[in-house]
Amino acid sequence: MMDHSMDQSEHTTENWINVQELLKQKLILEDCFTWTISSPDMSSVEISRQNNLKFIGGVDVSFLKEDPSMACAALVVVDAETLDVVHEVFDVVQLQIPYVPGFLAFREAPILQGLLDKMKQSAHPFYPQLLMVDGNGLLHPRGFGLACHVGVLVDLPVIGVGKNLHHVDGLTQSSVRKLFEAKENNDKDLICLVGKSGRVWGAAMCSTHGSTKPIYVSIGHRISLDSSIKIVKMCCKFRVPEPIRQADIRSRIFIQQFKGSSSMHK
């Protein structure tokens, strides 16, 4: 008796690779936005004159421990200057697609796109000008992670912020750790991630003082690596930048409350 489930999964990943390759053709790897990034040395007059970045979105997906197919997607928007949350929206869904390494976008991107579409259709005043995704962008085996996928779908500047480094072009977590520990990098909080091929995939950043665990920043869409690094640094009160950290915290709370209210109505 033949095992058709293996054939099916191989067929699915082949299709997904084709979709990634098609979307990848639309990828923009440089600054493509009309707003500016304020800097600490700008005067208040300069800041008021500039069309500065005002609203930064962060997205994350949390899962129920008891049922990993039950997910809560969160979109949180923060004020770029104060990092205070100005808007939040959630969606609880039953996911039909399993997690397959390298293809996270096919599981999570549709619900994240749905949250952004709802805001856009209602012309919401806090619709984000930039999005941060809890996941990688270019820093991905095929150079097209969740942040790239979402960026192309919603046509926004997107930054990928990963908490873990997957093996890409000879880069590993242990090799990056050794780079940070090297004498010449002792005082550095940022290391450029250059693969064996010579390609720059992103940057490893120790985002808070004394942090031993870097975060991994990479281009998602319509923004350069330099601008991505500048904005992530601007948003870090803790290890994870505030838009993503708040989306994570709030999605966990929301799904627990949802679970509680749905069990009460059974």
C-alpha atoms as a PDB file:
ATOM      1  CA  MET A   1       0.000   0.000   0.000  1.00  0.00           C
ATOM      2  CA  MET A   2       1.472   3.365  -1.037  1.00  0.00           C
ATOM      3  CA  ASP A   3       1.735   6.302   1.343  1.00  0.00           C
ATOM      4  CA  HIS A   4       0.033   9.126  -0.545  1.00  0.00           C
ATOM      5  CA  SER A   5       0.413  11.598   2.346  1.00  0.00           C
ATOM      6  CA  MET A   6       4.128  11.997   1.562  1.00  0.00           C
ATOM      7  CA  ASP A   7       3.368  12.600  -2.133  1.00  0.00           C
ATOM      8  CA  GLN A   8       0.752  15.152  -1.132  1.00  0.00           C
ATOM      9  CA  SER A   9       3.130  17.089   1.170  1.00  0.00           C
ATOM     10  CA  GLU A  10       5.875  17.104  -1.470  1.00  0.00           C
ATOM     11  CA  HIS A  11       3.377  18.348  -4.046  1.00  0.00           C
ATOM     12  CA  THR A  12       2.222  21.084  -1.644  1.00  0.00           C
ATOM     13  CA  THR A  13       5.748  22.334  -0.902  1.00  0.00           C
ATOM     14  CA  GLU A  14       6.528  22.354  -4.636  1.00  0.00           C
ATOM     15  CA  ASN A  15       3.485  24.585  -5.186  1.00  0.00           C
ATOM     16  CA  TRP A  16       4.523  26.811  -2.280  1.00  0.00           C
ATOM     17  CA  ILE A  17       8.032  27.216  -3.701  1.00  0.00           C
ATOM     18  CA  ASN A  18       6.486  28.291  -7.019  1.00  0.00           C
ATOM     19  CA  VAL A  19       4.271  30.836  -5.241  1.00  0.00           C
ATOM     20  CA  GLN A  20       7.281  32.182  -3.306  1.00  0.00           C
ATOM     21  CA  GLU A  21       9.265  32.548  -6.535  1.00  0.00           C
ATOM     22  CA  LEU A  22       6.407  34.469  -8.202  1.00  0.00           C
ATOM     23  CA  LEU A  23       5.933  36.825  -5.239  1.00  0.00           C
ATOM     24  CA  LYS A  24       9.711  37.251  -4.928  1.00  0.00           C
ATOM     25  CA  GLN A  25       9.746  38.990  -8.318  1.00  0.00           C
ATOM     26  CA  LYS A  26       7.795  41.878  -6.741  1.00  0.00           C
ATOM     27  CA  LEU A  27      10.217  42.300  -3.840  1.00  0.00           C
ATOM     28  CA  ILE A  28      11.744  45.776  -3.328  1.00  0.00           C
ATOM     29  CA  LEU A  29      14.950  45.780  -1.254  1.00  0.00           C
ATOM     30  CA  GLU A  30      15.499  49.532  -0.906  1.00  0.00           C
ATOM     31  CA  ASP A  31      13.767  52.462   0.782  1.00  0.00           C
ATOM     32  CA  CYS A  32      10.470  52.995  -0.998  1.00  0.00           C
ATOM     33  CA  PHE A  33       8.346  55.267   1.202  1.00  0.00           C
ATOM     34  CA  THR A  34       7.420  58.956   1.466  1.00  0.00           C
ATOM     35  CA  TRP A  35       7.938  59.486   5.208  1.00  0.00           C
ATOM     36  CA  THR A  36      11.244  60.194   6.963  1.00  0.00           C
ATOM     37  CA  ILE A  37      12.819  58.643  10.054  1.00  0.00           C
ATOM     38  CA  SER A  38      13.326  61.215  12.808  1.00  0.00           C
ATOM     39  CA  SER A  39      16.660  61.189  14.625  1.00  0.00           C
ATOM     40  CA  PRO A  40      17.538  62.350  18.186  1.00  0.00           C
ATOM     41  CA  ASP A  41      19.622  65.271  16.873  1.00  0.00           C
ATOM     42  CA  MET A  42      16.669  66.773  14.957  1.00  0.00           C
ATOM     43  CA  SER A  43      15.208  69.987  16.400  1.00  0.00           C
ATOM     44  CA  SER A  44      11.477  70.136  17.199  1.00  0.00           C
ATOM     45  CA  VAL A  45      11.071  72.589  14.290  1.00  0.00           C
ATOM     46  CA  GLU A  46      12.736  70.134  11.885  1.00  0.00           C
ATOM     47  CA  ILE A  47      10.595  67.281  13.188  1.00  0.00           C
ATOM     48  CA  SER A  48       7.374  69.289  12.698  1.00  0.00           C
ATOM     49  CA  ARG A  49       8.414  70.203   9.135  1.00  0.00           C
ATOM     50  CA  GLN A  50       9.248  66.680   8.127  1.00  0.00           C
ATOM     51  CA  ASN A  51       6.732  64.078   7.027  1.00  0.00           C
ATOM     52  CA  ASN A  52       7.936  61.760   9.783  1.00  0.00           C
ATOM     53  CA  LEU A  53       7.070  58.138  10.378  1.00  0.00           C
ATOM     54  CA  LYS A  54       4.166  58.246  12.845  1.00  0.00           C
ATOM     55  CA  PHE A  55       2.564  54.793  13.091  1.00  0.00           C
ATOM     56  CA  ILE A  56       4.424  51.481  13.290  1.00  0.00           C
ATOM     57  CA  GLY A  57       2.522  48.206  13.227  1.00  0.00           C
ATOM     58  CA  GLY A  58       3.649  44.968  14.858  1.00  0.00           C
ATOM     59  CA  VAL A  59       2.126  41.566  14.132  1.00  0.00           C
ATOM     60  CA  ASP A  60       2.349  38.243  15.918  1.00  0.00           C
ATOM     61  CA  VAL A  61       0.403  34.994  16.151  1.00  0.00           C
ATOM     62  CA  SER A  62      -0.176  33.102  19.425  1.00  0.00           C
ATOM     63  CA  PHE A  63      -1.470  29.546  19.776  1.00  0.00           C
ATOM     64  CA  LEU A  64      -3.468  27.645  22.392  1.00  0.00           C
ATOM     65  CA  LYS A  65      -1.277  25.085  24.167  1.00  0.00           C
ATOM     66  CA  GLU A  66      -4.217  22.688  24.338  1.00  0.00           C
ATOM     67  CA  ASP A  67      -4.976  23.077  20.623  1.00  0.00           C
ATOM     68  CA  PRO A  68      -2.061  24.380  18.471  1.00  0.00           C
ATOM     69  CA  SER A  69      -4.387  24.758  15.473  1.00  0.00           C
ATOM     70  CA  MET A  70      -6.300  27.491  17.347  1.00  0.00           C
ATOM     71  CA  ALA A  71      -4.486  30.781  16.716  1.00  0.00           C
ATOM     72  CA  CYS A  72      -4.874  34.427  17.636  1.00  0.00           C
ATOM     73  CA  ALA A  73      -3.359  36.935  15.207  1.00  0.00           C
ATOM     74  CA  ALA A  74      -2.706  40.407  16.593  1.00  0.00           C
ATOM     75  CA  LEU A  75      -1.948  43.692  14.874  1.00  0.00           C
ATOM     76  CA  VAL A  76      -0.790  46.392  17.278  1.00  0.00           C
ATOM     77  CA  VAL A  77      -0.019  49.946  16.146  1.00  0.00           C
ATOM     78  CA  VAL A  78       2.324  52.144  18.200  1.00  0.00           C
ATOM     79  CA  ASP A  79       3.119  55.846  18.053  1.00  0.00           C
ATOM     80  CA  ALA A  80       6.630  55.991  16.527  1.00  0.00           C
ATOM     81  CA  GLU A  81       7.772  58.738  18.919  1.00  0.00           C
ATOM     82  CA  THR A  82       6.408  57.504  22.270  1.00  0.00           C
ATOM     83  CA  LEU A  83       6.006  53.760  21.459  1.00  0.00           C
ATOM     84  CA  ASP A  84       2.584  53.901  23.148  1.00  0.00           C
ATOM     85  CA  VAL A  85      -0.067  51.567  21.706  1.00  0.00           C
ATOM     86  CA  VAL A  86      -2.678  53.571  19.773  1.00  0.00           C
ATOM     87  CA  HIS A  87      -4.642  50.695  18.207  1.00  0.00           C
ATOM     88  CA  GLU A  88      -5.019  46.925  18.453  1.00  0.00           C
ATOM     89  CA  VAL A  89      -7.035  44.379  16.506  1.00  0.00           C
ATOM     90  CA  PHE A  90      -7.302  40.586  16.819  1.00  0.00           C
ATOM     91  CA  ASP A  91      -8.597  37.609  14.925  1.00  0.00           C
ATOM     92  CA  VAL A  92      -9.008  34.098  16.354  1.00  0.00           C
ATOM     93  CA  VAL A  93      -8.967  31.350  13.730  1.00  0.00           C
ATOM     94  CA  GLN A  94      -8.687  27.581  13.389  1.00  0.00           C
ATOM     95  CA  LEU A  95      -5.662  27.007  11.161  1.00  0.00           C
ATOM     96  CA  GLN A  96      -5.951  24.239   8.581  1.00  0.00           C
ATOM     97  CA  ILE A  97      -2.341  24.390   7.343  1.00  0.00           C
ATOM     98  CA  PRO A  98       0.362  22.713   9.462  1.00  0.00           C
ATOM     99  CA  TYR A  99       3.672  24.416  10.252  1.00  0.00           C
ATOM    100  CA  VAL A 100       6.300  23.383   7.697  1.00  0.00           C
ATOM    101  CA  PRO A 101       9.828  24.839   8.238  1.00  0.00           C
ATOM    102  CA  GLY A 102      10.607  27.419   5.556  1.00  0.00           C
ATOM    103  CA  PHE A 103       6.905  27.885   4.706  1.00  0.00           C
ATOM    104  CA  LEU A 104       5.563  29.680   7.798  1.00  0.00           C
ATOM    105  CA  ALA A 105       3.985  32.358   5.578  1.00  0.00           C
ATOM    106  CA  PHE A 106       1.437  29.933   4.125  1.00  0.00           C
ATOM    107  CA  ARG A 107       0.147  29.309   7.652  1.00  0.00           C
ATOM    108  CA  GLU A 108       0.245  32.850   9.065  1.00  0.00           C
ATOM    109  CA  ALA A 109       0.313  35.439   6.236  1.00  0.00           C
ATOM    110  CA  PRO A 110      -3.393  35.140   5.236  1.00  0.00           C
ATOM    111  CA  ILE A 111      -4.677  36.034   8.727  1.00  0.00           C
ATOM    112  CA  LEU A 112      -2.172  38.879   9.108  1.00  0.00           C
ATOM    113  CA  GLN A 113      -3.180  40.208   5.690  1.00  0.00           C
ATOM    114  CA  GLY A 114      -6.844  40.017   6.779  1.00  0.00           C
ATOM    115  CA  LEU A 115      -6.203  42.258   9.815  1.00  0.00           C
ATOM    116  CA  LEU A 116      -4.438  44.882   7.687  1.00  0.00           C
ATOM    117  CA  ASP A 117      -7.092  44.730   4.956  1.00  0.00           C
ATOM    118  CA  LYS A 118      -9.849  45.436   7.514  1.00  0.00           C
ATOM    119  CA  MET A 119      -8.011  48.543   8.718  1.00  0.00           C
ATOM    120  CA  LYS A 120      -7.288  49.734   5.181  1.00  0.00           C
ATOM    121  CA  GLN A 121     -10.863  49.267   3.954  1.00  0.00           C
ATOM    122  CA  SER A 122     -12.222  51.371   6.818  1.00  0.00           C
ATOM    123  CA  ALA A 123      -9.546  54.053   6.121  1.00  0.00           C
ATOM    124  CA  HIS A 124      -8.477  53.773   9.751  1.00  0.00           C
ATOM    125  CA  PRO A 125      -6.517  56.848  10.925  1.00  0.00           C
ATOM    126  CA  PHE A 126      -3.894  54.630  12.628  1.00  0.00           C
ATOM    127  CA  TYR A 127      -3.219  52.394   9.622  1.00  0.00           C
ATOM    128  CA  PRO A 128       0.520  51.596   9.912  1.00  0.00           C
ATOM    129  CA  GLN A 129       3.051  53.203   7.575  1.00  0.00           C
ATOM    130  CA  LEU A 130       5.529  50.442   8.395  1.00  0.00           C
ATOM    131  CA  LEU A 131       5.129  46.916   9.702  1.00  0.00           C
ATOM    132  CA  MET A 132       7.361  44.757  11.910  1.00  0.00           C
ATOM    133  CA  VAL A 133       6.898  41.006  11.657  1.00  0.00           C
ATOM    134  CA  ASP A 134       7.898  38.376  14.213  1.00  0.00           C
ATOM    135  CA  GLY A 135       9.755  36.334  11.612  1.00  0.00           C
ATOM    136  CA  ASN A 136      12.485  36.623   9.019  1.00  0.00           C
ATOM    137  CA  GLY A 137      12.519  38.457   5.709  1.00  0.00           C
ATOM    138  CA  LEU A 138      15.485  37.908   3.375  1.00  0.00           C
ATOM    139  CA  LEU A 139      17.174  35.855   6.097  1.00  0.00           C
ATOM    140  CA  HIS A 140      15.537  32.665   4.859  1.00  0.00           C
ATOM    141  CA  PRO A 141      16.751  29.582   2.927  1.00  0.00           C
ATOM    142  CA  ARG A 142      15.080  30.845  -0.263  1.00  0.00           C
ATOM    143  CA  GLY A 143      15.467  34.546   0.563  1.00  0.00           C
ATOM    144  CA  PHE A 144      11.717  34.984   1.052  1.00  0.00           C
ATOM    145  CA  GLY A 145      10.518  34.598   4.632  1.00  0.00           C
ATOM    146  CA  LEU A 146       7.263  35.627   6.322  1.00  0.00           C
ATOM    147  CA  ALA A 147       8.187  39.350   6.422  1.00  0.00           C
ATOM    148  CA  CYS A 148       8.806  39.417   2.644  1.00  0.00           C
ATOM    149  CA  HIS A 149       5.617  37.443   1.946  1.00  0.00           C
ATOM    150  CA  VAL A 150       3.438  39.765   4.054  1.00  0.00           C
ATOM    151  CA  GLY A 151       5.167  42.870   2.659  1.00  0.00           C
ATOM    152  CA  VAL A 152       4.450  41.954  -0.956  1.00  0.00           C
ATOM    153  CA  LEU A 153       0.832  40.956  -0.169  1.00  0.00           C
ATOM    154  CA  VAL A 154      -0.055  44.183   1.685  1.00  0.00           C
ATOM    155  CA  ASP A 155       2.387  46.456  -0.217  1.00  0.00           C
ATOM    156  CA  LEU A 156       3.882  48.056   2.898  1.00  0.00           C
ATOM    157  CA  PRO A 157       7.465  48.614   4.057  1.00  0.00           C
ATOM    158  CA  VAL A 158       8.114  45.601   6.302  1.00  0.00           C
ATOM    159  CA  ILE A 159      10.986  44.628   8.615  1.00  0.00           C
ATOM    160  CA  GLY A 160      11.607  41.032   9.640  1.00  0.00           C
ATOM    161  CA  VAL A 161      12.703  40.520  13.258  1.00  0.00           C
ATOM    162  CA  GLY A 162      13.589  36.939  14.152  1.00  0.00           C
ATOM    163  CA  LYS A 163      14.422  35.627  17.622  1.00  0.00           C
ATOM    164  CA  ASN A 164      16.242  32.609  16.180  1.00  0.00           C
ATOM    165  CA  LEU A 165      18.648  32.193  13.293  1.00  0.00           C
ATOM    166  CA  HIS A 166      17.968  29.405  10.825  1.00  0.00           C
ATOM    167  CA  HIS A 167      20.891  28.024   8.855  1.00  0.00           C
ATOM    168  CA  VAL A 168      21.266  30.162   5.745  1.00  0.00           C
ATOM    169  CA  ASP A 169      24.328  30.313   3.458  1.00  0.00           C
ATOM    170  CA  GLY A 170      26.678  28.945   6.146  1.00  0.00           C
ATOM    171  CA  LEU A 171      25.354  31.256   8.909  1.00  0.00           C
ATOM    172  CA  THR A 172      24.511  29.577  12.236  1.00  0.00           C
ATOM    173  CA  GLN A 173      23.650  30.789  15.740  1.00  0.00           C
ATOM    174  CA  SER A 174      26.943  29.438  17.087  1.00  0.00           C
ATOM    175  CA  SER A 175      29.010  31.184  14.369  1.00  0.00           C
ATOM    176  CA  VAL A 176      27.251  34.486  15.118  1.00  0.00           C
ATOM    177  CA  ARG A 177      27.856  34.007  18.864  1.00  0.00           C
ATOM    178  CA  LYS A 178      31.565  33.508  18.141  1.00  0.00           C
ATOM    179  CA  LEU A 179      31.617  36.736  16.119  1.00  0.00           C
ATOM    180  CA  PHE A 180      30.158  38.689  19.064  1.00  0.00           C
ATOM    181  CA  GLU A 181      32.693  37.070  21.424  1.00  0.00           C
ATOM    182  CA  ALA A 182      35.666  37.930  19.186  1.00  0.00           C
ATOM    183  CA  LYS A 183      38.018  40.584  20.643  1.00  0.00           C
ATOM    184  CA  GLU A 184      37.578  42.991  17.756  1.00  0.00           C
ATOM    185  CA  ASN A 185      33.768  42.920  18.244  1.00  0.00           C
ATOM    186  CA  ASN A 186      33.782  43.259  22.039  1.00  0.00           C
ATOM    187  CA  ASP A 187      32.135  46.680  22.047  1.00  0.00           C
ATOM    188  CA  LYS A 188      29.811  46.034  19.106  1.00  0.00           C
ATOM    189  CA  ASP A 189      26.054  45.587  19.469  1.00  0.00           C
ATOM    190  CA  LEU A 190      25.536  44.923  15.759  1.00  0.00           C
ATOM    191  CA  ILE A 191      27.085  42.424  13.369  1.00  0.00           C
ATOM    192  CA  CYS A 192      26.380  42.229   9.662  1.00  0.00           C
ATOM    193  CA  LEU A 193      25.331  38.733   8.577  1.00  0.00           C
ATOM    194  CA  VAL A 194      27.424  37.891   5.527  1.00  0.00           C
ATOM    195  CA  GLY A 195      27.023  34.358   4.176  1.00  0.00           C
ATOM    196  CA  LYS A 196      29.660  32.143   2.571  1.00  0.00           C
ATOM    197  CA  SER A 197      28.480  33.423  -0.816  1.00  0.00           C
ATOM    198  CA  GLY A 198      29.376  36.993   0.207  1.00  0.00           C
ATOM    199  CA  ARG A 199      25.719  38.045   0.282  1.00  0.00           C
ATOM    200  CA  VAL A 200      24.475  40.266   3.132  1.00  0.00           C
ATOM    201  CA  TRP A 201      21.393  38.558   4.605  1.00  0.00           C
ATOM    202  CA  GLY A 202      20.654  40.881   7.519  1.00  0.00           C
ATOM    203  CA  ALA A 203      22.114  41.865  10.877  1.00  0.00           C
ATOM    204  CA  ALA A 204      22.395  40.355  14.346  1.00  0.00           C
ATOM    205  CA  MET A 205      21.644  42.975  16.978  1.00  0.00           C
ATOM    206  CA  CYS A 206      22.081  42.973  20.761  1.00  0.00           C
ATOM    207  CA  SER A 207      19.194  45.376  21.228  1.00  0.00           C
ATOM    208  CA  THR A 208      19.533  46.125  24.954  1.00  0.00           C
ATOM    209  CA  HIS A 209      22.563  46.798  27.147  1.00  0.00           C
ATOM    210  CA  GLY A 210      24.163  43.605  28.413  1.00  0.00           C
ATOM    211  CA  SER A 211      21.996  41.408  26.197  1.00  0.00           C
ATOM    212  CA  THR A 212      23.597  38.078  25.295  1.00  0.00           C
ATOM    213  CA  LYS A 213      20.852  36.960  22.911  1.00  0.00           C
ATOM    214  CA  PRO A 214      20.777  38.912  19.648  1.00  0.00           C
ATOM    215  CA  ILE A 215      17.720  39.482  17.513  1.00  0.00           C
ATOM    216  CA  TYR A 216      18.010  39.014  13.745  1.00  0.00           C
ATOM    217  CA  VAL A 217      16.937  41.925  11.554  1.00  0.00           C
ATOM    218  CA  SER A 218      16.363  41.511   7.830  1.00  0.00           C
ATOM    219  CA  ILE A 219      14.662  43.325   4.960  1.00  0.00           C
ATOM    220  CA  GLY A 220      11.027  42.395   4.428  1.00  0.00           C
ATOM    221  CA  HIS A 221       9.904  44.724   1.624  1.00  0.00           C
ATOM    222  CA  ARG A 222      10.281  48.374   0.501  1.00  0.00           C
ATOM    223  CA  ILE A 223      12.973  49.238   3.073  1.00  0.00           C
ATOM    224  CA  SER A 224      16.778  48.998   3.165  1.00  0.00           C
ATOM    225  CA  LEU A 225      18.737  47.133   5.830  1.00  0.00           C
ATOM    226  CA  ASP A 226      20.225  50.416   7.153  1.00  0.00           C
ATOM    227  CA  SER A 227      16.776  51.955   7.632  1.00  0.00           C
ATOM    228  CA  SER A 228      15.480  48.698   9.147  1.00  0.00           C
ATOM    229  CA  ILE A 229      18.282  48.695  11.737  1.00  0.00           C
ATOM    230  CA  LYS A 230      17.701  52.371  12.576  1.00  0.00           C
ATOM    231  CA  ILE A 231      13.954  51.816  13.161  1.00  0.00           C
ATOM    232  CA  VAL A 232      14.403  48.608  15.171  1.00  0.00           C
ATOM    233  CA  LYS A 233      16.922  50.374  17.460  1.00  0.00           C
ATOM    234  CA  MET A 234      14.413  53.220  17.882  1.00  0.00           C
ATOM    235  CA  CYS A 235      11.724  50.733  18.999  1.00  0.00           C
ATOM    236  CA  CYS A 236      13.659  48.617  21.524  1.00  0.00           C
ATOM    237  CA  LYS A 237      12.867  49.190  25.190  1.00  0.00           C
ATOM    238  CA  PHE A 238      13.544  45.492  25.721  1.00  0.00           C
ATOM    239  CA  ARG A 239      15.148  42.745  23.594  1.00  0.00           C
ATOM    240  CA  VAL A 240      12.223  42.545  21.140  1.00  0.00           C
ATOM    241  CA  PRO A 241      11.064  45.818  19.507  1.00  0.00           C
ATOM    242  CA  GLU A 242       7.947  47.230  21.128  1.00  0.00           C
ATOM    243  CA  PRO A 243       5.442  46.792  18.241  1.00  0.00           C
ATOM    244  CA  ILE A 244       6.132  43.024  18.095  1.00  0.00           C
ATOM    245  CA  ARG A 245       6.487  42.668  21.884  1.00  0.00           C
ATOM    246  CA  GLN A 246       3.079  44.264  22.438  1.00  0.00           C
ATOM    247  CA  ALA A 247       1.476  42.150  19.690  1.00  0.00           C
ATOM    248  CA  ASP A 248       2.890  39.026  21.370  1.00  0.00           C
ATOM    249  CA  ILE A 249       1.743  39.981  24.900  1.00  0.00           C
ATOM    250  CA  ARG A 250      -1.715  41.085  23.802  1.00  0.00           C
ATOM    251  CA  SER A 251      -2.391  38.131  21.481  1.00  0.00           C
ATOM    252  CA  ARG A 252      -1.577  35.722  24.353  1.00  0.00           C
ATOM    253  CA  ILE A 253      -3.974  37.526  26.685  1.00  0.00           C
ATOM    254  CA  PHE A 254      -6.691  37.715  24.017  1.00  0.00           C
ATOM    255  CA  ILE A 255      -6.597  34.005  23.136  1.00  0.00           C
ATOM    256  CA  GLN A 256      -6.760  33.012  26.826  1.00  0.00           C
ATOM    257  CA  GLN A 257      -9.782  35.281  27.340  1.00  0.00           C
ATOM    258  CA  PHE A 258     -11.358  33.898  24.162  1.00  0.00           C
ATOM    259  CA  LYS A 259     -10.808  30.351  25.414  1.00  0.00           C
ATOM    260  CA  GLY A 260     -12.387  31.270  28.755  1.00  0.00           C
ATOM    261  CA  SER A 261     -15.441  32.918  27.209  1.00  0.00           C
ATOM    262  CA  SER A 262     -16.010  30.115  24.675  1.00  0.00           C
ATOM    263  CA  SER A 263     -15.857  27.412  27.393  1.00  0.00           C
ATOM    264  CA  MET A 264     -18.421  29.375  29.446  1.00  0.00           C
ATOM    265  CA  HIS A 265     -20.853  29.330  26.488  1.00  0.00           C
ATOM    266  CA  LYS A 266     -20.601  25.581  25.838  1.00  0.00           C
END
